[in-house]
């Protein structure tokens, strides 16, 4: 699972995008760039074993 932030509206509104790296397609878009939505999503999907992310601390905390 790839995790990165994405601008919904540059400078105004951001989200977290989740990508299935094996299938090369987006899986979900989470609100904001905070760790809590990512943590909740991963708890609902325990089959995710590997997370690829940038060096953002929020995503490390969420994972």
PDB file of N, CA and C in Angstrom:
ATOM      1  N   UNK A   1       0.839  -1.155   0.000  1.00  0.00           N
ATOM      2  CA  UNK A   1       0.000   0.000   0.000  1.00  0.00           C
ATOM      3  C   UNK A   1       0.891   1.227   0.000  1.00  0.00           C
ATOM      4  N   UNK A   2       0.667   2.084  -0.956  1.00  0.00           N
ATOM      5  CA  UNK A   2       1.355   3.366  -1.016  1.00  0.00           C
ATOM      6  C   UNK A   2       0.509   4.424  -0.335  1.00  0.00           C
ATOM      7  N   UNK A   3       1.139   5.308   0.425  1.00  0.00           N
ATOM      8  CA  UNK A   3       0.440   6.371   1.147  1.00  0.00           C
ATOM      9  C   UNK A   3       1.132   7.686   0.835  1.00  0.00           C
ATOM     10  N   UNK A   4       0.355   8.676   0.398  1.00  0.00           N
ATOM     11  CA  UNK A   4       0.916   9.999   0.127  1.00  0.00           C
ATOM     12  C   UNK A   4      -0.188  11.032   0.221  1.00  0.00           C
ATOM     13  N   UNK A   5       0.223  12.298   0.331  1.00  0.00           N
ATOM     14  CA  UNK A   5      -0.780  13.348   0.356  1.00  0.00           C
ATOM     15  C   UNK A   5      -1.056  13.834  -1.062  1.00  0.00           C
ATOM     16  N   UNK A   6      -2.222  14.407  -1.225  1.00  0.00           N
ATOM     17  CA  UNK A   6      -2.652  14.873  -2.530  1.00  0.00           C
ATOM     18  C   UNK A   6      -3.456  16.146  -2.337  1.00  0.00           C
ATOM     19  N   UNK A   7      -3.254  17.103  -3.228  1.00  0.00           N
ATOM     20  CA  UNK A   7      -4.004  18.357  -3.152  1.00  0.00           C
ATOM     21  C   UNK A   7      -5.342  18.198  -3.852  1.00  0.00           C
ATOM     22  N   UNK A   8      -6.408  18.396  -3.098  1.00  0.00           N
ATOM     23  CA  UNK A   8      -7.728  18.433  -3.709  1.00  0.00           C
ATOM     24  C   UNK A   8      -7.950  19.814  -4.318  1.00  0.00           C
ATOM     25  N   UNK A   9      -7.418  20.797  -3.612  1.00  0.00           N
ATOM     26  CA  UNK A   9      -7.448  22.181  -4.076  1.00  0.00           C
ATOM     27  C   UNK A   9      -6.173  22.827  -3.543  1.00  0.00           C
ATOM     28  N   UNK A  10      -5.208  23.054  -4.408  1.00  0.00           N
ATOM     29  CA  UNK A  10      -3.875  23.506  -4.022  1.00  0.00           C
ATOM     30  C   UNK A  10      -3.926  24.701  -3.072  1.00  0.00           C
ATOM     31  N   UNK A  11      -3.221  24.555  -1.948  1.00  0.00           N
ATOM     32  CA  UNK A  11      -3.143  25.613  -0.963  1.00  0.00           C
ATOM     33  C   UNK A  11      -4.361  25.709  -0.059  1.00  0.00           C
ATOM     34  N   UNK A  12      -5.362  24.876  -0.302  1.00  0.00           N
ATOM     35  CA  UNK A  12      -6.603  25.009   0.448  1.00  0.00           C
ATOM     36  C   UNK A  12      -7.061  23.705   1.094  1.00  0.00           C
ATOM     37  N   UNK A  13      -7.044  22.626   0.324  1.00  0.00           N
ATOM     38  CA  UNK A  13      -7.637  21.377   0.777  1.00  0.00           C
ATOM     39  C   UNK A  13      -6.772  20.196   0.348  1.00  0.00           C
ATOM     40  N   UNK A  14      -6.380  19.382   1.343  1.00  0.00           N
ATOM     41  CA  UNK A  14      -5.515  18.240   1.072  1.00  0.00           C
ATOM     42  C   UNK A  14      -6.145  16.953   1.587  1.00  0.00           C
ATOM     43  N   UNK A  15      -5.706  15.843   1.034  1.00  0.00           N
ATOM     44  CA  UNK A  15      -6.207  14.527   1.430  1.00  0.00           C
ATOM     45  C   UNK A  15      -5.047  13.544   1.403  1.00  0.00           C
ATOM     46  N   UNK A  16      -5.308  12.356   1.905  1.00  0.00           N
ATOM     47  CA  UNK A  16      -4.345  11.259   1.865  1.00  0.00           C
ATOM     48  C   UNK A  16      -4.844  10.253   0.846  1.00  0.00           C
ATOM     49  N   UNK A  17      -3.981   9.904  -0.101  1.00  0.00           N
ATOM     50  CA  UNK A  17      -4.371   8.923  -1.116  1.00  0.00           C
ATOM     51  C   UNK A  17      -3.664   7.606  -0.820  1.00  0.00           C
ATOM     52  N   UNK A  18      -4.430   6.510  -0.936  1.00  0.00           N
ATOM     53  CA  UNK A  18      -3.899   5.169  -0.734  1.00  0.00           C
ATOM     54  C   UNK A  18      -3.905   4.456  -2.081  1.00  0.00           C
ATOM     55  N   UNK A  19      -2.787   3.815  -2.413  1.00  0.00           N
ATOM     56  CA  UNK A  19      -2.636   3.166  -3.714  1.00  0.00           C
ATOM     57  C   UNK A  19      -2.216   1.715  -3.522  1.00  0.00           C
ATOM     58  N   UNK A  20      -2.880   0.823  -4.243  1.00  0.00           N
ATOM     59  CA  UNK A  20      -2.462  -0.579  -4.291  1.00  0.00           C
ATOM     60  C   UNK A  20      -1.283  -0.625  -5.260  1.00  0.00           C
ATOM     61  N   UNK A  21      -0.089  -0.824  -4.739  1.00  0.00           N
ATOM     62  CA  UNK A  21       1.105  -0.768  -5.570  1.00  0.00           C
ATOM     63  C   UNK A  21       1.244  -1.964  -6.499  1.00  0.00           C
ATOM     64  N   UNK A  22       0.678  -3.090  -6.124  1.00  0.00           N
ATOM     65  CA  UNK A  22       0.734  -4.262  -7.004  1.00  0.00           C
ATOM     66  C   UNK A  22      -0.199  -4.083  -8.202  1.00  0.00           C
ATOM     67  N   UNK A  23      -1.406  -3.594  -7.959  1.00  0.00           N
ATOM     68  CA  UNK A  23      -2.380  -3.394  -9.037  1.00  0.00           C
ATOM     69  C   UNK A  23      -2.185  -2.044  -9.730  1.00  0.00           C
ATOM     70  N   UNK A  24      -1.391  -1.167  -9.106  1.00  0.00           N
ATOM     71  CA  UNK A  24      -1.138   0.176  -9.635  1.00  0.00           C
ATOM     72  C   UNK A  24      -2.410   0.989  -9.824  1.00  0.00           C
ATOM     73  N   UNK A  25      -3.238   0.983  -8.778  1.00  0.00           N
ATOM     74  CA  UNK A  25      -4.472   1.760  -8.856  1.00  0.00           C
ATOM     75  C   UNK A  25      -4.817   2.331  -7.473  1.00  0.00           C
ATOM     76  N   UNK A  26      -5.494   3.469  -7.458  1.00  0.00           N
ATOM     77  CA  UNK A  26      -5.909   4.054  -6.178  1.00  0.00           C
ATOM     78  C   UNK A  26      -6.926   3.162  -5.477  1.00  0.00           C
ATOM     79  N   UNK A  27      -6.848   3.135  -4.156  1.00  0.00           N
ATOM     80  CA  UNK A  27      -7.729   2.308  -3.348  1.00  0.00           C
ATOM     81  C   UNK A  27      -8.720   3.172  -2.574  1.00  0.00           C
ATOM     82  N   UNK A  28      -8.223   4.294  -2.029  1.00  0.00           N
ATOM     83  CA  UNK A  28      -9.069   5.122  -1.177  1.00  0.00           C
ATOM     84  C   UNK A  28      -8.474   6.517  -1.082  1.00  0.00           C
ATOM     85  N   UNK A  29      -9.317   7.470  -0.739  1.00  0.00           N
ATOM     86  CA  UNK A  29      -8.887   8.837  -0.443  1.00  0.00           C
ATOM     87  C   UNK A  29      -9.430   9.162   0.935  1.00  0.00           C
ATOM     88  N   UNK A  30      -8.525   9.524   1.840  1.00  0.00           N
ATOM     89  CA  UNK A  30      -8.896   9.826   3.218  1.00  0.00           C
ATOM     90  C   UNK A  30      -8.861  11.332   3.438  1.00  0.00           C
ATOM     91  N   UNK A  31      -9.699  11.848   4.316  1.00  0.00           N
ATOM     92  CA  UNK A  31      -9.716  13.288   4.559  1.00  0.00           C
ATOM     93  C   UNK A  31      -8.448  13.758   5.270  1.00  0.00           C
ATOM     94  N   UNK A  32      -7.927  14.877   4.843  1.00  0.00           N
ATOM     95  CA  UNK A  32      -6.788  15.497   5.514  1.00  0.00           C
ATOM     96  C   UNK A  32      -5.488  14.730   5.387  1.00  0.00           C
ATOM     97  N   UNK A  33      -4.499  15.197   6.160  1.00  0.00           N
ATOM     98  CA  UNK A  33      -3.184  14.558   6.166  1.00  0.00           C
ATOM     99  C   UNK A  33      -2.793  14.132   7.575  1.00  0.00           C
ATOM    100  N   UNK A  34      -3.785  13.856   8.388  1.00  0.00           N
ATOM    101  CA  UNK A  34      -3.560  13.473   9.784  1.00  0.00           C
ATOM    102  C   UNK A  34      -3.422  11.963   9.914  1.00  0.00           C
ATOM    103  N   UNK A  35      -2.790  11.495  10.979  1.00  0.00           N
ATOM    104  CA  UNK A  35      -2.575  10.048  11.139  1.00  0.00           C
ATOM    105  C   UNK A  35      -3.835   9.246  11.485  1.00  0.00           C
ATOM    106  N   UNK A  36      -4.820   9.856  12.137  1.00  0.00           N
ATOM    107  CA  UNK A  36      -5.981   9.118  12.630  1.00  0.00           C
ATOM    108  C   UNK A  36      -6.783   8.407  11.538  1.00  0.00           C
ATOM    109  N   UNK A  37      -7.115   9.062  10.408  1.00  0.00           N
ATOM    110  CA  UNK A  37      -7.858   8.336   9.372  1.00  0.00           C
ATOM    111  C   UNK A  37      -7.081   7.144   8.804  1.00  0.00           C
ATOM    112  N   UNK A  38      -5.771   7.294   8.674  1.00  0.00           N
ATOM    113  CA  UNK A  38      -4.944   6.189   8.179  1.00  0.00           C
ATOM    114  C   UNK A  38      -4.939   5.037   9.178  1.00  0.00           C
ATOM    115  N   UNK A  39      -4.787   5.350  10.457  1.00  0.00           N
ATOM    116  CA  UNK A  39      -4.809   4.318  11.494  1.00  0.00           C
ATOM    117  C   UNK A  39      -6.131   3.560  11.467  1.00  0.00           C
ATOM    118  N   UNK A  40      -7.240   4.290  11.388  1.00  0.00           N
ATOM    119  CA  UNK A  40      -8.564   3.652  11.364  1.00  0.00           C
ATOM    120  C   UNK A  40      -8.711   2.764  10.134  1.00  0.00           C
ATOM    121  N   UNK A  41      -8.255   3.241   8.979  1.00  0.00           N
ATOM    122  CA  UNK A  41      -8.366   2.459   7.733  1.00  0.00           C
ATOM    123  C   UNK A  41      -7.546   1.175   7.841  1.00  0.00           C
ATOM    124  N   UNK A  42      -6.347   1.265   8.392  1.00  0.00           N
ATOM    125  CA  UNK A  42      -5.493   0.083   8.524  1.00  0.00           C
ATOM    126  C   UNK A  42      -6.063  -0.908   9.534  1.00  0.00           C
ATOM    127  N   UNK A  43      -6.726  -0.423  10.555  1.00  0.00           N
ATOM    128  CA  UNK A  43      -7.366  -1.337  11.517  1.00  0.00           C
ATOM    129  C   UNK A  43      -8.514  -2.100  10.869  1.00  0.00           C
ATOM    130  N   UNK A  44      -9.216  -1.453   9.945  1.00  0.00           N
ATOM    131  CA  UNK A  44     -10.318  -2.128   9.241  1.00  0.00           C
ATOM    132  C   UNK A  44      -9.815  -3.094   8.176  1.00  0.00           C
ATOM    133  N   UNK A  45      -8.538  -2.938   7.768  1.00  0.00           N
ATOM    134  CA  UNK A  45      -7.961  -3.787   6.724  1.00  0.00           C
ATOM    135  C   UNK A  45      -6.627  -4.358   7.192  1.00  0.00           C
ATOM    136  N   UNK A  46      -6.662  -5.325   8.113  1.00  0.00           N
ATOM    137  CA  UNK A  46      -5.423  -5.884   8.667  1.00  0.00           C
ATOM    138  C   UNK A  46      -4.615  -6.691   7.653  1.00  0.00           C
ATOM    139  N   UNK A  47      -5.167  -6.948   6.462  1.00  0.00           N
ATOM    140  CA  UNK A  47      -4.416  -7.692   5.443  1.00  0.00           C
ATOM    141  C   UNK A  47      -3.265  -6.877   4.848  1.00  0.00           C
ATOM    142  N   UNK A  48      -3.247  -5.570   5.076  1.00  0.00           N
ATOM    143  CA  UNK A  48      -2.145  -4.732   4.582  1.00  0.00           C
ATOM    144  C   UNK A  48      -0.905  -5.058   5.405  1.00  0.00           C
ATOM    145  N   UNK A  49       0.133  -5.530   4.730  1.00  0.00           N
ATOM    146  CA  UNK A  49       1.359  -5.945   5.421  1.00  0.00           C
ATOM    147  C   UNK A  49       2.527  -4.997   5.183  1.00  0.00           C
ATOM    148  N   UNK A  50       2.525  -4.295   4.048  1.00  0.00           N
ATOM    149  CA  UNK A  50       3.638  -3.417   3.692  1.00  0.00           C
ATOM    150  C   UNK A  50       3.083  -2.043   3.338  1.00  0.00           C
ATOM    151  N   UNK A  51       3.714  -1.003   3.894  1.00  0.00           N
ATOM    152  CA  UNK A  51       3.304   0.366   3.603  1.00  0.00           C
ATOM    153  C   UNK A  51       4.505   1.116   3.059  1.00  0.00           C
ATOM    154  N   UNK A  52       4.314   1.746   1.924  1.00  0.00           N
ATOM    155  CA  UNK A  52       5.339   2.573   1.304  1.00  0.00           C
ATOM    156  C   UNK A  52       4.879   4.018   1.451  1.00  0.00           C
ATOM    157  N   UNK A  53       5.690   4.857   2.064  1.00  0.00           N
ATOM    158  CA  UNK A  53       5.280   6.238   2.326  1.00  0.00           C
ATOM    159  C   UNK A  53       6.459   7.172   2.162  1.00  0.00           C
ATOM    160  N   UNK A  54       6.170   8.466   2.135  1.00  0.00           N
ATOM    161  CA  UNK A  54       7.262   9.419   2.139  1.00  0.00           C
ATOM    162  C   UNK A  54       7.719   9.595   3.588  1.00  0.00           C
ATOM    163  N   UNK A  55       8.531  10.566   3.850  1.00  0.00           N
ATOM    164  CA  UNK A  55       9.090  10.706   5.203  1.00  0.00           C
ATOM    165  C   UNK A  55       8.202  11.520   6.133  1.00  0.00           C
ATOM    166  N   UNK A  56       6.962  11.759   5.753  1.00  0.00           N
ATOM    167  CA  UNK A  56       6.046  12.525   6.600  1.00  0.00           C
ATOM    168  C   UNK A  56       5.811  11.807   7.926  1.00  0.00           C
ATOM    169  N   UNK A  57       5.981  12.503   9.007  1.00  0.00           N
ATOM    170  CA  UNK A  57       5.820  11.920  10.332  1.00  0.00           C
ATOM    171  C   UNK A  57       4.401  11.467  10.625  1.00  0.00           C
ATOM    172  N   UNK A  58       3.411  12.171  10.073  1.00  0.00           N
ATOM    173  CA  UNK A  58       2.010  11.792  10.322  1.00  0.00           C
ATOM    174  C   UNK A  58       1.711  10.398   9.786  1.00  0.00           C
ATOM    175  N   UNK A  59       2.257  10.065   8.619  1.00  0.00           N
ATOM    176  CA  UNK A  59       1.988   8.755   8.043  1.00  0.00           C
ATOM    177  C   UNK A  59       2.738   7.657   8.801  1.00  0.00           C
ATOM    178  N   UNK A  60       3.907   7.973   9.305  1.00  0.00           N
ATOM    179  CA  UNK A  60       4.637   7.007  10.134  1.00  0.00           C
ATOM    180  C   UNK A  60       3.857   6.749  11.415  1.00  0.00           C
ATOM    181  N   UNK A  61       3.320   7.806  12.010  1.00  0.00           N
ATOM    182  CA  UNK A  61       2.533   7.670  13.230  1.00  0.00           C
ATOM    183  C   UNK A  61       1.245   6.893  12.954  1.00  0.00           C
ATOM    184  N   UNK A  62       0.611   7.153  11.835  1.00  0.00           N
ATOM    185  CA  UNK A  62      -0.623   6.461  11.465  1.00  0.00           C
ATOM    186  C   UNK A  62      -0.415   4.984  11.206  1.00  0.00           C
ATOM    187  N   UNK A  63       0.721   4.660  10.633  1.00  0.00           N
ATOM    188  CA  UNK A  63       1.026   3.250  10.334  1.00  0.00           C
ATOM    189  C   UNK A  63       1.423   2.528  11.602  1.00  0.00           C
TER     190      UNK A  63
END
